[in-house]
Amino acid sequence: MEMGKNDLTYSKQELPSENSIPQTSKKRSKKKVFIFLGIFILIAPIMILVGEFLGFISAFGFFKGGEAKDIPRNVQEVGPIIKMQPLTVNLKEESGRNYLRITVALEIGNKKFVDEVQSKMTQLTDLLITILCEKRLDDLKQPNFKEELKKEFLEKVTTHFPEGQIRQVLFEEFIYQ
């Protein structure tokens, strides 16, 4: 089969244009990219949330999996808290014009000791007043006074309660003048 000269010539309308072939493939590849990005944008957050929930990743700063081992195991839970009545006590000063207003809360070591501590609240209040009346205004201004007062009170409390029943002394109000 021989081809003649006329067989290879085409009219301009029959020939595909040079720009039309790449344009369709460009349009198709752009469509594929947009479809891929759309699917990725929809699926990626779901995968991150599932990974966070299952503990495989820590995308939002939450402790998951092995990271919780860094938290010390000997941390005790806060026990029941009993709030004492607010006290206003005159300080040991010659002028007698200085006073301390204090509200104390006691952390109890175990729930079973709450009733016993509440039944001895009068003795605890008396003990606290006795300790505070011996303090001077200059004592209250010392940097570590509050911590020393907590220790002193806890040491004297052990005469009324076995050690560990009252775990901690907390100040809710501490105003002096």
C-alpha atoms as a PDB file:
ATOM      1  CA  MET A   1       0.000   0.000   0.000  1.00  0.00           C
ATOM      2  CA  GLU A   2       1.415   3.184  -1.116  1.00  0.00           C
ATOM      3  CA  MET A   3       0.438   6.436   0.141  1.00  0.00           C
ATOM      4  CA  GLY A   4       0.116   9.356  -1.982  1.00  0.00           C
ATOM      5  CA  LYS A   5       0.822  12.919  -1.316  1.00  0.00           C
ATOM      6  CA  ASN A   6      -2.820  13.608  -0.755  1.00  0.00           C
ATOM      7  CA  ASP A   7      -3.181  11.040   1.974  1.00  0.00           C
ATOM      8  CA  LEU A   8      -0.855  12.898   4.375  1.00  0.00           C
ATOM      9  CA  THR A   9      -2.323  16.292   4.006  1.00  0.00           C
ATOM     10  CA  TYR A  10      -5.087  17.402   6.236  1.00  0.00           C
ATOM     11  CA  SER A  11      -7.074  20.485   6.362  1.00  0.00           C
ATOM     12  CA  LYS A  12      -6.467  22.806   9.297  1.00  0.00           C
ATOM     13  CA  GLN A  13      -9.879  22.013  10.729  1.00  0.00           C
ATOM     14  CA  GLU A  14      -9.217  18.276  10.853  1.00  0.00           C
ATOM     15  CA  LEU A  15      -5.887  18.569  12.677  1.00  0.00           C
ATOM     16  CA  PRO A  16      -6.040  18.764  16.400  1.00  0.00           C
ATOM     17  CA  SER A  17      -4.533  21.953  17.736  1.00  0.00           C
ATOM     18  CA  GLU A  18      -1.285  21.792  19.668  1.00  0.00           C
ATOM     19  CA  ASN A  19      -2.803  23.484  22.722  1.00  0.00           C
ATOM     20  CA  SER A  20      -5.910  21.317  22.966  1.00  0.00           C
ATOM     21  CA  ILE A  21      -4.163  18.050  23.920  1.00  0.00           C
ATOM     22  CA  PRO A  22      -2.089  19.454  26.770  1.00  0.00           C
ATOM     23  CA  GLN A  23      -5.047  21.537  27.991  1.00  0.00           C
ATOM     24  CA  THR A  24      -7.266  18.489  28.569  1.00  0.00           C
ATOM     25  CA  SER A  25      -4.483  16.567  30.259  1.00  0.00           C
ATOM     26  CA  LYS A  26      -3.701  19.654  32.368  1.00  0.00           C
ATOM     27  CA  LYS A  27      -7.370  19.936  33.297  1.00  0.00           C
ATOM     28  CA  ARG A  28      -7.512  16.252  34.183  1.00  0.00           C
ATOM     29  CA  SER A  29      -4.336  16.426  36.289  1.00  0.00           C
ATOM     30  CA  LYS A  30      -5.622  19.549  38.072  1.00  0.00           C
ATOM     31  CA  LYS A  31      -8.891  17.753  38.777  1.00  0.00           C
ATOM     32  CA  LYS A  32      -7.001  14.784  40.207  1.00  0.00           C
ATOM     33  CA  VAL A  33      -4.916  17.069  42.433  1.00  0.00           C
ATOM     34  CA  PHE A  34      -8.012  18.857  43.735  1.00  0.00           C
ATOM     35  CA  ILE A  35      -9.805  15.565  44.358  1.00  0.00           C
ATOM     36  CA  PHE A  36      -6.747  14.194  46.197  1.00  0.00           C
ATOM     37  CA  LEU A  37      -6.413  17.369  48.296  1.00  0.00           C
ATOM     38  CA  GLY A  38     -10.121  17.339  49.090  1.00  0.00           C
ATOM     39  CA  ILE A  39      -9.997  13.737  50.265  1.00  0.00           C
ATOM     40  CA  PHE A  40      -6.807  14.395  52.250  1.00  0.00           C
ATOM     41  CA  ILE A  41      -8.321  17.462  53.926  1.00  0.00           C
ATOM     42  CA  LEU A  42     -11.352  15.411  54.937  1.00  0.00           C
ATOM     43  CA  ILE A  43      -9.507  12.283  56.078  1.00  0.00           C
ATOM     44  CA  ALA A  44      -6.394  13.786  57.768  1.00  0.00           C
ATOM     45  CA  PRO A  45      -8.206  15.409  60.734  1.00  0.00           C
ATOM     46  CA  ILE A  46     -10.187  12.228  61.312  1.00  0.00           C
ATOM     47  CA  MET A  47      -6.976  10.189  61.319  1.00  0.00           C
ATOM     48  CA  ILE A  48      -5.320  12.635  63.740  1.00  0.00           C
ATOM     49  CA  LEU A  49      -8.287  12.520  66.121  1.00  0.00           C
ATOM     50  CA  VAL A  50      -8.436   8.720  66.010  1.00  0.00           C
ATOM     51  CA  GLY A  51      -4.672   8.527  66.613  1.00  0.00           C
ATOM     52  CA  GLU A  52      -4.963  10.957  69.527  1.00  0.00           C
ATOM     53  CA  PHE A  53      -7.872   9.016  71.008  1.00  0.00           C
ATOM     54  CA  LEU A  54      -6.116   5.667  70.717  1.00  0.00           C
ATOM     55  CA  GLY A  55      -2.889   7.097  72.126  1.00  0.00           C
ATOM     56  CA  PHE A  56      -0.686   6.559  69.091  1.00  0.00           C
ATOM     57  CA  ILE A  57       0.119  10.256  68.731  1.00  0.00           C
ATOM     58  CA  SER A  58       0.019  13.344  70.873  1.00  0.00           C
ATOM     59  CA  ALA A  59      -1.109  16.007  68.438  1.00  0.00           C
ATOM     60  CA  PHE A  60      -2.758  18.343  70.909  1.00  0.00           C
ATOM     61  CA  GLY A  61      -0.324  18.139  73.840  1.00  0.00           C
ATOM     62  CA  PHE A  62      -2.311  15.600  75.849  1.00  0.00           C
ATOM     63  CA  PHE A  63      -0.419  12.899  77.717  1.00  0.00           C
ATOM     64  CA  LYS A  64      -1.006   9.526  76.088  1.00  0.00           C
ATOM     65  CA  GLY A  65       0.528   6.118  76.289  1.00  0.00           C
ATOM     66  CA  GLY A  66       4.032   6.006  77.726  1.00  0.00           C
ATOM     67  CA  GLU A  67       4.188   9.683  78.612  1.00  0.00           C
ATOM     68  CA  ALA A  68       1.997   9.215  81.671  1.00  0.00           C
ATOM     69  CA  LYS A  69       4.866   7.330  83.322  1.00  0.00           C
ATOM     70  CA  ASP A  70       6.543  10.679  83.993  1.00  0.00           C
ATOM     71  CA  ILE A  71       3.860  11.520  86.574  1.00  0.00           C
ATOM     72  CA  PRO A  72       4.980  10.422  90.039  1.00  0.00           C
ATOM     73  CA  ARG A  73       2.955   7.544  91.438  1.00  0.00           C
ATOM     74  CA  ASN A  74       3.304   8.568  95.087  1.00  0.00           C
ATOM     75  CA  VAL A  75       1.126  11.678  94.698  1.00  0.00           C
ATOM     76  CA  GLN A  76      -1.715  11.365  97.183  1.00  0.00           C
ATOM     77  CA  GLU A  77      -5.229  12.417  96.451  1.00  0.00           C
ATOM     78  CA  VAL A  78      -6.551  15.359  98.405  1.00  0.00           C
ATOM     79  CA  GLY A  79      -8.433  14.181 101.439  1.00  0.00           C
ATOM     80  CA  PRO A  80     -11.608  15.643 102.902  1.00  0.00           C
ATOM     81  CA  ILE A  81     -11.326  19.301 103.931  1.00  0.00           C
ATOM     82  CA  ILE A  82     -12.836  20.692 107.126  1.00  0.00           C
ATOM     83  CA  LYS A  83     -13.024  24.457 107.400  1.00  0.00           C
ATOM     84  CA  MET A  84     -12.590  25.991 110.832  1.00  0.00           C
ATOM     85  CA  GLN A  85     -14.475  29.128 111.885  1.00  0.00           C
ATOM     86  CA  PRO A  86     -12.698  32.404 111.086  1.00  0.00           C
ATOM     87  CA  LEU A  87     -10.684  33.704 114.043  1.00  0.00           C
ATOM     88  CA  THR A  88      -9.642  37.218 115.015  1.00  0.00           C
ATOM     89  CA  VAL A  89      -6.809  37.159 117.536  1.00  0.00           C
ATOM     90  CA  ASN A  90      -4.952  39.971 119.284  1.00  0.00           C
ATOM     91  CA  LEU A  91      -1.229  39.737 118.769  1.00  0.00           C
ATOM     92  CA  LYS A  92       1.290  39.864 121.596  1.00  0.00           C
ATOM     93  CA  GLU A  93       2.042  43.605 121.437  1.00  0.00           C
ATOM     94  CA  GLU A  94       2.280  46.252 124.147  1.00  0.00           C
ATOM     95  CA  SER A  95      -0.099  48.581 122.348  1.00  0.00           C
ATOM     96  CA  GLY A  96      -2.711  45.864 121.877  1.00  0.00           C
ATOM     97  CA  ARG A  97      -3.780  47.377 118.569  1.00  0.00           C
ATOM     98  CA  ASN A  98      -2.444  44.682 116.276  1.00  0.00           C
ATOM     99  CA  TYR A  99      -4.487  41.668 115.370  1.00  0.00           C
ATOM    100  CA  LEU A 100      -4.619  38.719 113.006  1.00  0.00           C
ATOM    101  CA  ARG A 101      -7.704  37.495 111.198  1.00  0.00           C
ATOM    102  CA  ILE A 102      -7.269  33.929 110.001  1.00  0.00           C
ATOM    103  CA  THR A 103      -9.403  31.195 108.493  1.00  0.00           C
ATOM    104  CA  VAL A 104      -7.925  27.713 108.561  1.00  0.00           C
ATOM    105  CA  ALA A 105      -8.948  24.579 106.693  1.00  0.00           C
ATOM    106  CA  LEU A 106      -7.703  21.122 107.653  1.00  0.00           C
ATOM    107  CA  GLU A 107      -7.093  18.334 105.180  1.00  0.00           C
ATOM    108  CA  ILE A 108      -8.035  15.042 106.794  1.00  0.00           C
ATOM    109  CA  GLY A 109      -6.008  11.927 106.007  1.00  0.00           C
ATOM    110  CA  ASN A 110      -9.027   9.651 105.553  1.00  0.00           C
ATOM    111  CA  LYS A 111     -12.810  10.026 105.364  1.00  0.00           C
ATOM    112  CA  LYS A 112     -13.289   7.837 108.420  1.00  0.00           C
ATOM    113  CA  PHE A 113     -11.535  10.469 110.602  1.00  0.00           C
ATOM    114  CA  VAL A 114     -13.822  13.372 109.641  1.00  0.00           C
ATOM    115  CA  ASP A 115     -16.344  12.839 112.445  1.00  0.00           C
ATOM    116  CA  GLU A 116     -13.604  12.513 115.054  1.00  0.00           C
ATOM    117  CA  VAL A 117     -11.892  15.733 113.920  1.00  0.00           C
ATOM    118  CA  GLN A 118     -15.193  17.626 113.869  1.00  0.00           C
ATOM    119  CA  SER A 119     -16.017  16.422 117.362  1.00  0.00           C
ATOM    120  CA  LYS A 120     -12.731  17.928 118.625  1.00  0.00           C
ATOM    121  CA  MET A 121     -13.041  21.229 116.765  1.00  0.00           C
ATOM    122  CA  THR A 122     -13.276  23.204 120.035  1.00  0.00           C
ATOM    123  CA  GLN A 123      -9.913  21.850 121.207  1.00  0.00           C
ATOM    124  CA  LEU A 124      -8.371  22.613 117.793  1.00  0.00           C
ATOM    125  CA  THR A 125      -9.687  26.188 117.852  1.00  0.00           C
ATOM    126  CA  ASP A 126      -8.340  26.693 121.387  1.00  0.00           C
ATOM    127  CA  LEU A 127      -4.958  25.295 120.362  1.00  0.00           C
ATOM    128  CA  LEU A 128      -4.786  27.629 117.354  1.00  0.00           C
ATOM    129  CA  ILE A 129      -5.753  30.684 119.446  1.00  0.00           C
ATOM    130  CA  THR A 130      -3.116  29.786 122.052  1.00  0.00           C
ATOM    131  CA  ILE A 131      -0.412  29.543 119.383  1.00  0.00           C
ATOM    132  CA  LEU A 132      -1.435  32.765 117.615  1.00  0.00           C
ATOM    133  CA  CYS A 133      -1.707  34.908 120.774  1.00  0.00           C
ATOM    134  CA  GLU A 134       2.006  34.348 121.398  1.00  0.00           C
ATOM    135  CA  LYS A 135       2.996  35.847 118.028  1.00  0.00           C
ATOM    136  CA  ARG A 136       4.112  39.413 117.422  1.00  0.00           C
ATOM    137  CA  LEU A 137       3.479  41.550 114.362  1.00  0.00           C
ATOM    138  CA  ASP A 138       7.170  41.320 113.430  1.00  0.00           C
ATOM    139  CA  ASP A 139       6.884  37.499 113.480  1.00  0.00           C
ATOM    140  CA  LEU A 140       4.037  37.620 110.954  1.00  0.00           C
ATOM    141  CA  LYS A 141       6.125  39.717 108.579  1.00  0.00           C
ATOM    142  CA  GLN A 142       8.865  37.077 108.330  1.00  0.00           C
ATOM    143  CA  PRO A 143       9.041  35.348 104.905  1.00  0.00           C
ATOM    144  CA  ASN A 144       8.559  31.762 106.154  1.00  0.00           C
ATOM    145  CA  PHE A 145       6.160  32.528 108.981  1.00  0.00           C
ATOM    146  CA  LYS A 146       3.112  30.853 107.450  1.00  0.00           C
ATOM    147  CA  GLU A 147       4.943  27.590 106.783  1.00  0.00           C
ATOM    148  CA  GLU A 148       6.436  27.602 110.291  1.00  0.00           C
ATOM    149  CA  LEU A 149       2.987  28.260 111.773  1.00  0.00           C
ATOM    150  CA  LYS A 150       1.537  25.317 109.833  1.00  0.00           C
ATOM    151  CA  LYS A 151       4.315  23.025 111.136  1.00  0.00           C
ATOM    152  CA  GLU A 152       3.895  24.221 114.715  1.00  0.00           C
ATOM    153  CA  PHE A 153       0.152  23.707 114.616  1.00  0.00           C
ATOM    154  CA  LEU A 154       0.492  20.215 113.112  1.00  0.00           C
ATOM    155  CA  GLU A 155       3.067  19.227 115.765  1.00  0.00           C
ATOM    156  CA  LYS A 156       0.756  20.294 118.576  1.00  0.00           C
ATOM    157  CA  VAL A 157      -2.282  18.681 116.929  1.00  0.00           C
ATOM    158  CA  THR A 158      -0.651  15.271 117.280  1.00  0.00           C
ATOM    159  CA  THR A 159      -1.386  15.487 121.023  1.00  0.00           C
ATOM    160  CA  HIS A 160      -5.107  15.298 120.173  1.00  0.00           C
ATOM    161  CA  PHE A 161      -4.952  13.067 117.100  1.00  0.00           C
ATOM    162  CA  PRO A 162      -2.728  10.252 115.885  1.00  0.00           C
ATOM    163  CA  GLU A 163      -0.221  11.320 113.248  1.00  0.00           C
ATOM    164  CA  GLY A 164      -1.702  11.313 109.745  1.00  0.00           C
ATOM    165  CA  GLN A 165      -5.301  12.011 110.708  1.00  0.00           C
ATOM    166  CA  ILE A 166      -4.780  15.692 109.919  1.00  0.00           C
ATOM    167  CA  ARG A 167      -2.606  15.686 106.849  1.00  0.00           C
ATOM    168  CA  GLN A 168      -2.273  19.386 106.100  1.00  0.00           C
ATOM    169  CA  VAL A 169      -3.125  22.859 107.398  1.00  0.00           C
ATOM    170  CA  LEU A 170      -4.350  25.332 104.784  1.00  0.00           C
ATOM    171  CA  PHE A 171      -4.923  29.074 105.150  1.00  0.00           C
ATOM    172  CA  GLU A 172      -7.976  30.471 103.435  1.00  0.00           C
ATOM    173  CA  GLU A 173      -7.629  33.926 105.002  1.00  0.00           C
ATOM    174  CA  PHE A 174      -4.599  35.530 106.617  1.00  0.00           C
ATOM    175  CA  ILE A 175      -4.930  39.254 107.343  1.00  0.00           C
ATOM    176  CA  TYR A 176      -2.981  41.172 109.936  1.00  0.00           C
ATOM    177  CA  GLN A 177      -2.852  44.777 111.039  1.00  0.00           C
END
